Amino acid sequence: MKLLPGFDVEYQKRHNEIWQELVVLLKEAGIKEYHIFLDKEEGNLLATMQVTNETATGNLPAHPVMKKWWAHMRDIMETNADNSPVSIPLEEVFYLP
């Protein structure tokens, strides 16, 4: 994902104030851990999460709370026409358990 220039503090603030309804939704969808990392120089965001139910997480984009969050974030990051963040899937090339 990509943060627009100058919005790193605002992005952190919004996530520090994440809505409880969104936290509940993500956990109910099987997200056990969720980390987001920022490359401040380029504005690139890398998100990792442990998922226990891929079917449920696949349904998240259609959920009203998720759509509401995306609309809330659209002014500070690159987004698609539906307000979802522009993202590039990455291929895992190494894992050390």
PDB file of N, CA and C in Angstrom:
ATOM      1  N   MET A   1       0.847  -1.168   0.000  1.00  0.00           N
ATOM      2  CA  MET A   1       0.000   0.000   0.000  1.00  0.00           C
ATOM      3  C   MET A   1       0.893   1.232   0.000  1.00  0.00           C
ATOM      4  N   LYS A   2       0.313   2.370  -0.277  1.00  0.00           N
ATOM      5  CA  LYS A   2       1.110   3.588  -0.404  1.00  0.00           C
ATOM      6  C   LYS A   2       0.422   4.740   0.322  1.00  0.00           C
ATOM      7  N   LEU A   3       1.173   5.368   1.216  1.00  0.00           N
ATOM      8  CA  LEU A   3       0.706   6.526   1.948  1.00  0.00           C
ATOM      9  C   LEU A   3       1.039   7.781   1.143  1.00  0.00           C
ATOM     10  N   LEU A   4       0.122   8.735   1.130  1.00  0.00           N
ATOM     11  CA  LEU A   4       0.407   9.988   0.448  1.00  0.00           C
ATOM     12  C   LEU A   4       1.448  10.774   1.253  1.00  0.00           C
ATOM     13  N   PRO A   5       2.280  11.567   0.579  1.00  0.00           N
ATOM     14  CA  PRO A   5       3.346  12.302   1.271  1.00  0.00           C
ATOM     15  C   PRO A   5       2.805  13.194   2.396  1.00  0.00           C
ATOM     16  N   GLY A   6       3.512  13.166   3.532  1.00  0.00           N
ATOM     17  CA  GLY A   6       3.181  14.035   4.644  1.00  0.00           C
ATOM     18  C   GLY A   6       2.086  13.534   5.579  1.00  0.00           C
ATOM     19  N   PHE A   7       1.610  12.315   5.377  1.00  0.00           N
ATOM     20  CA  PHE A   7       0.504  11.812   6.198  1.00  0.00           C
ATOM     21  C   PHE A   7       0.904  10.691   7.153  1.00  0.00           C
ATOM     22  N   ASP A   8       2.204  10.515   7.399  1.00  0.00           N
ATOM     23  CA  ASP A   8       2.621   9.424   8.279  1.00  0.00           C
ATOM     24  C   ASP A   8       2.105   9.604   9.705  1.00  0.00           C
ATOM     25  N   VAL A   9       2.108  10.813  10.230  1.00  0.00           N
ATOM     26  CA  VAL A   9       1.616  11.051  11.591  1.00  0.00           C
ATOM     27  C   VAL A   9       0.102  10.817  11.651  1.00  0.00           C
ATOM     28  N   GLU A  10      -0.618  11.296  10.650  1.00  0.00           N
ATOM     29  CA  GLU A  10      -2.072  11.110  10.627  1.00  0.00           C
ATOM     30  C   GLU A  10      -2.446   9.642  10.478  1.00  0.00           C
ATOM     31  N   TYR A  11      -1.708   8.913   9.659  1.00  0.00           N
ATOM     32  CA  TYR A  11      -1.963   7.486   9.485  1.00  0.00           C
ATOM     33  C   TYR A  11      -1.797   6.755  10.818  1.00  0.00           C
ATOM     34  N   GLN A  12      -0.719   7.053  11.530  1.00  0.00           N
ATOM     35  CA  GLN A  12      -0.469   6.441  12.843  1.00  0.00           C
ATOM     36  C   GLN A  12      -1.583   6.817  13.821  1.00  0.00           C
ATOM     37  N   LYS A  13      -1.990   8.082  13.817  1.00  0.00           N
ATOM     38  CA  LYS A  13      -3.050   8.555  14.713  1.00  0.00           C
ATOM     39  C   LYS A  13      -4.344   7.789  14.469  1.00  0.00           C
ATOM     40  N   ARG A  14      -4.731   7.654  13.220  1.00  0.00           N
ATOM     41  CA  ARG A  14      -5.987   6.962  12.904  1.00  0.00           C
ATOM     42  C   ARG A  14      -5.938   5.505  13.334  1.00  0.00           C
ATOM     43  N   HIS A  15      -4.790   4.883  13.199  1.00  0.00           N
ATOM     44  CA  HIS A  15      -4.678   3.489  13.632  1.00  0.00           C
ATOM     45  C   HIS A  15      -4.606   3.376  15.153  1.00  0.00           C
ATOM     46  N   ASN A  16      -4.041   4.358  15.816  1.00  0.00           N
ATOM     47  CA  ASN A  16      -4.048   4.356  17.280  1.00  0.00           C
ATOM     48  C   ASN A  16      -5.464   4.519  17.823  1.00  0.00           C
ATOM     49  N   GLU A  17      -6.330   5.130  17.020  1.00  0.00           N
ATOM     50  CA  GLU A  17      -7.722   5.355  17.399  1.00  0.00           C
ATOM     51  C   GLU A  17      -8.670   4.418  16.642  1.00  0.00           C
ATOM     52  N   ILE A  18      -8.177   3.249  16.243  1.00  0.00           N
ATOM     53  CA  ILE A  18      -8.981   2.316  15.447  1.00  0.00           C
ATOM     54  C   ILE A  18     -10.326   2.044  16.126  1.00  0.00           C
ATOM     55  N   TRP A  19     -11.352   1.973  15.335  1.00  0.00           N
ATOM     56  CA  TRP A  19     -12.699   1.762  15.856  1.00  0.00           C
ATOM     57  C   TRP A  19     -12.823   0.363  16.440  1.00  0.00           C
ATOM     58  N   GLN A  20     -13.478   0.257  17.561  1.00  0.00           N
ATOM     59  CA  GLN A  20     -13.675  -1.041  18.206  1.00  0.00           C
ATOM     60  C   GLN A  20     -14.467  -1.986  17.296  1.00  0.00           C
ATOM     61  N   GLU A  21     -15.430  -1.448  16.550  1.00  0.00           N
ATOM     62  CA  GLU A  21     -16.214  -2.291  15.650  1.00  0.00           C
ATOM     63  C   GLU A  21     -15.336  -2.907  14.556  1.00  0.00           C
ATOM     64  N   LEU A  22     -14.295  -2.203  14.153  1.00  0.00           N
ATOM     65  CA  LEU A  22     -13.373  -2.749  13.159  1.00  0.00           C
ATOM     66  C   LEU A  22     -12.469  -3.808  13.783  1.00  0.00           C
ATOM     67  N   VAL A  23     -12.006  -3.580  14.993  1.00  0.00           N
ATOM     68  CA  VAL A  23     -11.188  -4.571  15.698  1.00  0.00           C
ATOM     69  C   VAL A  23     -11.977  -5.873  15.846  1.00  0.00           C
ATOM     70  N   VAL A  24     -13.232  -5.771  16.265  1.00  0.00           N
ATOM     71  CA  VAL A  24     -14.074  -6.960  16.437  1.00  0.00           C
ATOM     72  C   VAL A  24     -14.252  -7.674  15.100  1.00  0.00           C
ATOM     73  N   LEU A  25     -14.523  -6.921  14.045  1.00  0.00           N
ATOM     74  CA  LEU A  25     -14.713  -7.511  12.717  1.00  0.00           C
ATOM     75  C   LEU A  25     -13.465  -8.268  12.264  1.00  0.00           C
ATOM     76  N   LEU A  26     -12.307  -7.668  12.411  1.00  0.00           N
ATOM     77  CA  LEU A  26     -11.062  -8.314  11.972  1.00  0.00           C
ATOM     78  C   LEU A  26     -10.798  -9.592  12.768  1.00  0.00           C
ATOM     79  N   LYS A  27     -11.010  -9.537  14.065  1.00  0.00           N
ATOM     80  CA  LYS A  27     -10.795 -10.733  14.886  1.00  0.00           C
ATOM     81  C   LYS A  27     -11.809 -11.826  14.560  1.00  0.00           C
ATOM     82  N   GLU A  28     -13.058 -11.443  14.334  1.00  0.00           N
ATOM     83  CA  GLU A  28     -14.078 -12.432  13.958  1.00  0.00           C
ATOM     84  C   GLU A  28     -13.779 -13.050  12.597  1.00  0.00           C
ATOM     85  N   ALA A  29     -13.068 -12.313  11.752  1.00  0.00           N
ATOM     86  CA  ALA A  29     -12.706 -12.818  10.425  1.00  0.00           C
ATOM     87  C   ALA A  29     -11.466 -13.706  10.475  1.00  0.00           C
ATOM     88  N   GLY A  30     -10.943 -13.945  11.682  1.00  0.00           N
ATOM     89  CA  GLY A  30      -9.819 -14.862  11.822  1.00  0.00           C
ATOM     90  C   GLY A  30      -8.451 -14.224  11.750  1.00  0.00           C
ATOM     91  N   ILE A  31      -8.378 -12.904  11.903  1.00  0.00           N
ATOM     92  CA  ILE A  31      -7.083 -12.245  11.914  1.00  0.00           C
ATOM     93  C   ILE A  31      -6.564 -12.264  13.341  1.00  0.00           C
ATOM     94  N   LYS A  32      -5.477 -12.994  13.516  1.00  0.00           N
ATOM     95  CA  LYS A  32      -4.911 -13.206  14.844  1.00  0.00           C
ATOM     96  C   LYS A  32      -3.910 -12.116  15.204  1.00  0.00           C
ATOM     97  N   GLU A  33      -3.063 -11.768  14.296  1.00  0.00           N
ATOM     98  CA  GLU A  33      -2.078 -10.697  14.471  1.00  0.00           C
ATOM     99  C   GLU A  33      -2.044  -9.880  13.188  1.00  0.00           C
ATOM    100  N   TYR A  34      -1.901  -8.579  13.329  1.00  0.00           N
ATOM    101  CA  TYR A  34      -1.874  -7.693  12.166  1.00  0.00           C
ATOM    102  C   TYR A  34      -0.804  -6.640  12.430  1.00  0.00           C
ATOM    103  N   HIS A  35       0.187  -6.569  11.564  1.00  0.00           N
ATOM    104  CA  HIS A  35       1.259  -5.596  11.678  1.00  0.00           C
ATOM    105  C   HIS A  35       1.286  -4.753  10.407  1.00  0.00           C
ATOM    106  N   ILE A  36       1.523  -3.458  10.558  1.00  0.00           N
ATOM    107  CA  ILE A  36       1.726  -2.583   9.405  1.00  0.00           C
ATOM    108  C   ILE A  36       3.034  -1.841   9.624  1.00  0.00           C
ATOM    109  N   PHE A  37       3.902  -1.877   8.617  1.00  0.00           N
ATOM    110  CA  PHE A  37       5.201  -1.226   8.673  1.00  0.00           C
ATOM    111  C   PHE A  37       5.240  -0.126   7.616  1.00  0.00           C
ATOM    112  N   LEU A  38       5.913   0.979   7.927  1.00  0.00           N
ATOM    113  CA  LEU A  38       6.001   2.120   7.023  1.00  0.00           C
ATOM    114  C   LEU A  38       7.453   2.409   6.645  1.00  0.00           C
ATOM    115  N   ASP A  39       7.692   2.539   5.353  1.00  0.00           N
ATOM    116  CA  ASP A  39       8.952   3.063   4.831  1.00  0.00           C
ATOM    117  C   ASP A  39       8.714   4.568   4.680  1.00  0.00           C
ATOM    118  N   LYS A  40       9.192   5.359   5.626  1.00  0.00           N
ATOM    119  CA  LYS A  40       8.906   6.799   5.653  1.00  0.00           C
ATOM    120  C   LYS A  40       9.446   7.544   4.435  1.00  0.00           C
ATOM    121  N   GLU A  41      10.553   7.079   3.877  1.00  0.00           N
ATOM    122  CA  GLU A  41      11.135   7.771   2.724  1.00  0.00           C
ATOM    123  C   GLU A  41      10.263   7.648   1.486  1.00  0.00           C
ATOM    124  N   GLU A  42       9.692   6.481   1.268  1.00  0.00           N
ATOM    125  CA  GLU A  42       8.903   6.230   0.056  1.00  0.00           C
ATOM    126  C   GLU A  42       7.397   6.245   0.300  1.00  0.00           C
ATOM    127  N   GLY A  43       6.975   6.139   1.572  1.00  0.00           N
ATOM    128  CA  GLY A  43       5.546   6.098   1.885  1.00  0.00           C
ATOM    129  C   GLY A  43       4.924   4.730   1.678  1.00  0.00           C
ATOM    130  N   ASN A  44       5.763   3.720   1.470  1.00  0.00           N
ATOM    131  CA  ASN A  44       5.243   2.368   1.266  1.00  0.00           C
ATOM    132  C   ASN A  44       4.838   1.750   2.599  1.00  0.00           C
ATOM    133  N   LEU A  45       3.708   1.063   2.591  1.00  0.00           N
ATOM    134  CA  LEU A  45       3.205   0.354   3.759  1.00  0.00           C
ATOM    135  C   LEU A  45       3.233  -1.138   3.463  1.00  0.00           C
ATOM    136  N   LEU A  46       3.704  -1.910   4.411  1.00  0.00           N
ATOM    137  CA  LEU A  46       3.721  -3.360   4.291  1.00  0.00           C
ATOM    138  C   LEU A  46       2.910  -3.920   5.444  1.00  0.00           C
ATOM    139  N   ALA A  47       1.879  -4.667   5.128  1.00  0.00           N
ATOM    140  CA  ALA A  47       1.027  -5.264   6.158  1.00  0.00           C
ATOM    141  C   ALA A  47       1.223  -6.770   6.164  1.00  0.00           C
ATOM    142  N   THR A  48       1.334  -7.316   7.367  1.00  0.00           N
ATOM    143  CA  THR A  48       1.386  -8.764   7.538  1.00  0.00           C
ATOM    144  C   THR A  48       0.349  -9.143   8.577  1.00  0.00           C
ATOM    145  N   MET A  49      -0.238 -10.309   8.409  1.00  0.00           N
ATOM    146  CA  MET A  49      -1.217 -10.778   9.384  1.00  0.00           C
ATOM    147  C   MET A  49      -1.244 -12.293   9.419  1.00  0.00           C
ATOM    148  N   GLN A  50      -1.590 -12.824  10.580  1.00  0.00           N
ATOM    149  CA  GLN A  50      -1.832 -14.252  10.702  1.00  0.00           C
ATOM    150  C   GLN A  50      -3.336 -14.450  10.535  1.00  0.00           C
ATOM    151  N   VAL A  51      -3.694 -15.333   9.608  1.00  0.00           N
ATOM    152  CA  VAL A  51      -5.092 -15.559   9.287  1.00  0.00           C
ATOM    153  C   VAL A  51      -5.455 -16.996   9.603  1.00  0.00           C
ATOM    154  N   THR A  52      -6.537 -17.186  10.345  1.00  0.00           N
ATOM    155  CA  THR A  52      -6.983 -18.536  10.673  1.00  0.00           C
ATOM    156  C   THR A  52      -8.178 -18.975   9.837  1.00  0.00           C
ATOM    157  N   ASN A  53      -8.796 -18.030   9.097  1.00  0.00           N
ATOM    158  CA  ASN A  53      -9.962 -18.354   8.292  1.00  0.00           C
ATOM    159  C   ASN A  53      -9.927 -17.519   7.019  1.00  0.00           C
ATOM    160  N   GLU A  54      -9.281 -18.048   5.980  1.00  0.00           N
ATOM    161  CA  GLU A  54      -9.124 -17.284   4.736  1.00  0.00           C
ATOM    162  C   GLU A  54     -10.449 -16.975   4.048  1.00  0.00           C
ATOM    163  N   THR A  55     -11.451 -17.821   4.226  1.00  0.00           N
ATOM    164  CA  THR A  55     -12.770 -17.540   3.644  1.00  0.00           C
ATOM    165  C   THR A  55     -13.365 -16.293   4.270  1.00  0.00           C
ATOM    166  N   ALA A  56     -13.288 -16.199   5.589  1.00  0.00           N
ATOM    167  CA  ALA A  56     -13.844 -15.042   6.294  1.00  0.00           C
ATOM    168  C   ALA A  56     -13.099 -13.763   5.944  1.00  0.00           C
ATOM    169  N   THR A  57     -11.781 -13.826   5.866  1.00  0.00           N
ATOM    170  CA  THR A  57     -11.040 -12.618   5.511  1.00  0.00           C
ATOM    171  C   THR A  57     -11.326 -12.205   4.069  1.00  0.00           C
ATOM    172  N   GLY A  58     -11.594 -13.163   3.223  1.00  0.00           N
ATOM    173  CA  GLY A  58     -11.948 -12.856   1.844  1.00  0.00           C
ATOM    174  C   GLY A  58     -13.262 -12.111   1.724  1.00  0.00           C
ATOM    175  N   ASN A  59     -14.120 -12.226   2.736  1.00  0.00           N
ATOM    176  CA  ASN A  59     -15.407 -11.539   2.742  1.00  0.00           C
ATOM    177  C   ASN A  59     -15.330 -10.122   3.304  1.00  0.00           C
ATOM    178  N   LEU A  60     -14.205  -9.752   3.897  1.00  0.00           N
ATOM    179  CA  LEU A  60     -14.071  -8.433   4.517  1.00  0.00           C
ATOM    180  C   LEU A  60     -14.351  -7.257   3.571  1.00  0.00           C
ATOM    181  N   PRO A  61     -13.893  -7.275   2.322  1.00  0.00           N
ATOM    182  CA  PRO A  61     -14.130  -6.115   1.455  1.00  0.00           C
ATOM    183  C   PRO A  61     -15.602  -5.767   1.253  1.00  0.00           C
ATOM    184  N   ALA A  62     -16.489  -6.707   1.421  1.00  0.00           N
ATOM    185  CA  ALA A  62     -17.919  -6.442   1.235  1.00  0.00           C
ATOM    186  C   ALA A  62     -18.595  -5.942   2.508  1.00  0.00           C
ATOM    187  N   HIS A  63     -17.907  -6.000   3.641  1.00  0.00           N
ATOM    188  CA  HIS A  63     -18.529  -5.632   4.911  1.00  0.00           C
ATOM    189  C   HIS A  63     -18.636  -4.100   5.046  1.00  0.00           C
ATOM    190  N   PRO A  64     -19.789  -3.596   5.509  1.00  0.00           N
ATOM    191  CA  PRO A  64     -19.980  -2.142   5.651  1.00  0.00           C
ATOM    192  C   PRO A  64     -18.939  -1.453   6.539  1.00  0.00           C
ATOM    193  N   VAL A  65     -18.501  -2.098   7.605  1.00  0.00           N
ATOM    194  CA  VAL A  65     -17.496  -1.481   8.482  1.00  0.00           C
ATOM    195  C   VAL A  65     -16.167  -1.327   7.742  1.00  0.00           C
ATOM    196  N   MET A  66     -15.804  -2.324   6.946  1.00  0.00           N
ATOM    197  CA  MET A  66     -14.560  -2.240   6.173  1.00  0.00           C
ATOM    198  C   MET A  66     -14.663  -1.113   5.151  1.00  0.00           C
ATOM    199  N   LYS A  67     -15.794  -1.017   4.473  1.00  0.00           N
ATOM    200  CA  LYS A  67     -15.995   0.047   3.490  1.00  0.00           C
ATOM    201  C   LYS A  67     -15.946   1.424   4.152  1.00  0.00           C
ATOM    202  N   LYS A  68     -16.505   1.521   5.358  1.00  0.00           N
ATOM    203  CA  LYS A  68     -16.479   2.771   6.114  1.00  0.00           C
ATOM    204  C   LYS A  68     -15.032   3.156   6.473  1.00  0.00           C
ATOM    205  N   TRP A  69     -14.223   2.167   6.888  1.00  0.00           N
ATOM    206  CA  TRP A  69     -12.818   2.429   7.217  1.00  0.00           C
ATOM    207  C   TRP A  69     -12.051   2.902   5.985  1.00  0.00           C
ATOM    208  N   TRP A  70     -12.272   2.220   4.869  1.00  0.00           N
ATOM    209  CA  TRP A  70     -11.595   2.619   3.635  1.00  0.00           C
ATOM    210  C   TRP A  70     -11.944   4.065   3.273  1.00  0.00           C
ATOM    211  N   ALA A  71     -13.208   4.448   3.392  1.00  0.00           N
ATOM    212  CA  ALA A  71     -13.621   5.825   3.097  1.00  0.00           C
ATOM    213  C   ALA A  71     -12.927   6.799   4.050  1.00  0.00           C
ATOM    214  N   HIS A  72     -12.764   6.372   5.297  1.00  0.00           N
ATOM    215  CA  HIS A  72     -12.090   7.194   6.321  1.00  0.00           C
ATOM    216  C   HIS A  72     -10.610   7.398   5.982  1.00  0.00           C
ATOM    217  N   MET A  73     -10.002   6.436   5.318  1.00  0.00           N
ATOM    218  CA  MET A  73      -8.564   6.481   5.027  1.00  0.00           C
ATOM    219  C   MET A  73      -8.241   7.015   3.627  1.00  0.00           C
ATOM    220  N   ARG A  74      -9.227   7.174   2.770  1.00  0.00           N
ATOM    221  CA  ARG A  74      -8.961   7.479   1.358  1.00  0.00           C
ATOM    222  C   ARG A  74      -8.239   8.805   1.124  1.00  0.00           C
ATOM    223  N   ASP A  75      -8.351   9.746   2.054  1.00  0.00           N
ATOM    224  CA  ASP A  75      -7.719  11.041   1.830  1.00  0.00           C
ATOM    225  C   ASP A  75      -6.224  11.057   2.151  1.00  0.00           C
ATOM    226  N   ILE A  76      -5.704   9.961   2.723  1.00  0.00           N
ATOM    227  CA  ILE A  76      -4.281   9.967   3.086  1.00  0.00           C
ATOM    228  C   ILE A  76      -3.479   8.846   2.429  1.00  0.00           C
ATOM    229  N   MET A  77      -4.118   8.038   1.589  1.00  0.00           N
ATOM    230  CA  MET A  77      -3.382   6.973   0.909  1.00  0.00           C
ATOM    231  C   MET A  77      -3.923   6.747  -0.494  1.00  0.00           C
ATOM    232  N   GLU A  78      -3.133   6.092  -1.310  1.00  0.00           N
ATOM    233  CA  GLU A  78      -3.586   5.765  -2.663  1.00  0.00           C
ATOM    234  C   GLU A  78      -4.695   4.726  -2.567  1.00  0.00           C
ATOM    235  N   THR A  79      -5.802   4.995  -3.277  1.00  0.00           N
ATOM    236  CA  THR A  79      -6.956   4.094  -3.210  1.00  0.00           C
ATOM    237  C   THR A  79      -7.492   3.776  -4.598  1.00  0.00           C
ATOM    238  N   ASN A  80      -8.235   2.685  -4.650  1.00  0.00           N
ATOM    239  CA  ASN A  80      -8.942   2.291  -5.860  1.00  0.00           C
ATOM    240  C   ASN A  80     -10.285   3.026  -5.910  1.00  0.00           C
ATOM    241  N   ALA A  81     -11.033   2.829  -6.992  1.00  0.00           N
ATOM    242  CA  ALA A  81     -12.326   3.494  -7.160  1.00  0.00           C
ATOM    243  C   ALA A  81     -13.304   3.167  -6.028  1.00  0.00           C
ATOM    244  N   ASP A  82     -13.191   1.982  -5.419  1.00  0.00           N
ATOM    245  CA  ASP A  82     -14.088   1.591  -4.323  1.00  0.00           C
ATOM    246  C   ASP A  82     -13.549   2.007  -2.950  1.00  0.00           C
ATOM    247  N   ASN A  83     -12.520   2.850  -2.935  1.00  0.00           N
ATOM    248  CA  ASN A  83     -11.842   3.347  -1.728  1.00  0.00           C
ATOM    249  C   ASN A  83     -10.912   2.329  -1.075  1.00  0.00           C
ATOM    250  N   SER A  84     -10.861   1.097  -1.557  1.00  0.00           N
ATOM    251  CA  SER A  84      -9.916   0.133  -0.997  1.00  0.00           C
ATOM    252  C   SER A  84      -8.504   0.605  -1.298  1.00  0.00           C
ATOM    253  N   PRO A  85      -7.562   0.315  -0.408  1.00  0.00           N
ATOM    254  CA  PRO A  85      -6.196   0.763  -0.668  1.00  0.00           C
ATOM    255  C   PRO A  85      -5.590   0.046  -1.869  1.00  0.00           C
ATOM    256  N   VAL A  86      -4.869   0.797  -2.677  1.00  0.00           N
ATOM    257  CA  VAL A  86      -4.108   0.182  -3.761  1.00  0.00           C
ATOM    258  C   VAL A  86      -3.063  -0.707  -3.094  1.00  0.00           C
ATOM    259  N   SER A  87      -3.019  -1.946  -3.480  1.00  0.00           N
ATOM    260  CA  SER A  87      -2.049  -2.853  -2.880  1.00  0.00           C
ATOM    261  C   SER A  87      -1.481  -3.786  -3.938  1.00  0.00           C
ATOM    262  N   ILE A  88      -0.294  -4.250  -3.682  1.00  0.00           N
ATOM    263  CA  ILE A  88       0.392  -5.173  -4.577  1.00  0.00           C
ATOM    264  C   ILE A  88       0.683  -6.438  -3.779  1.00  0.00           C
ATOM    265  N   PRO A  89       0.105  -7.557  -4.164  1.00  0.00           N
ATOM    266  CA  PRO A  89       0.410  -8.797  -3.451  1.00  0.00           C
ATOM    267  C   PRO A  89       1.885  -9.155  -3.606  1.00  0.00           C
ATOM    268  N   LEU A  90       2.492  -9.569  -2.520  1.00  0.00           N
ATOM    269  CA  LEU A  90       3.892  -9.971  -2.544  1.00  0.00           C
ATOM    270  C   LEU A  90       3.992 -11.488  -2.446  1.00  0.00           C
ATOM    271  N   GLU A  91       4.962 -12.028  -3.123  1.00  0.00           N
ATOM    272  CA  GLU A  91       5.209 -13.468  -3.083  1.00  0.00           C
ATOM    273  C   GLU A  91       6.246 -13.763  -2.007  1.00  0.00           C
ATOM    274  N   GLU A  92       5.923 -14.675  -1.122  1.00  0.00           N
ATOM    275  CA  GLU A  92       6.891 -15.074  -0.090  1.00  0.00           C
ATOM    276  C   GLU A  92       8.031 -15.838  -0.760  1.00  0.00           C
ATOM    277  N   VAL A  93       9.253 -15.406  -0.484  1.00  0.00           N
ATOM    278  CA  VAL A  93      10.414 -16.066  -1.060  1.00  0.00           C
ATOM    279  C   VAL A  93      11.310 -16.694  -0.005  1.00  0.00           C
ATOM    280  N   PHE A  94      11.007 -16.439   1.282  1.00  0.00           N
ATOM    281  CA  PHE A  94      11.784 -17.050   2.358  1.00  0.00           C
ATOM    282  C   PHE A  94      10.968 -17.029   3.644  1.00  0.00           C
ATOM    283  N   TYR A  95      11.089 -18.095   4.407  1.00  0.00           N
ATOM    284  CA  TYR A  95      10.426 -18.183   5.709  1.00  0.00           C
ATOM    285  C   TYR A  95      11.324 -18.984   6.640  1.00  0.00           C
ATOM    286  N   LEU A  96      11.565 -18.462   7.830  1.00  0.00           N
ATOM    287  CA  LEU A  96      12.345 -19.148   8.844  1.00  0.00           C
ATOM    288  C   LEU A  96      11.447 -19.334  10.055  1.00  0.00           C
ATOM    289  N   PRO A  97      10.965 -20.555  10.297  1.00  0.00           N
ATOM    290  CA  PRO A  97      10.065 -20.774  11.442  1.00  0.00           C
ATOM    291  C   PRO A  97      10.800 -20.730  12.767  1.00  0.00           C
TER     292      PRO A  97
END
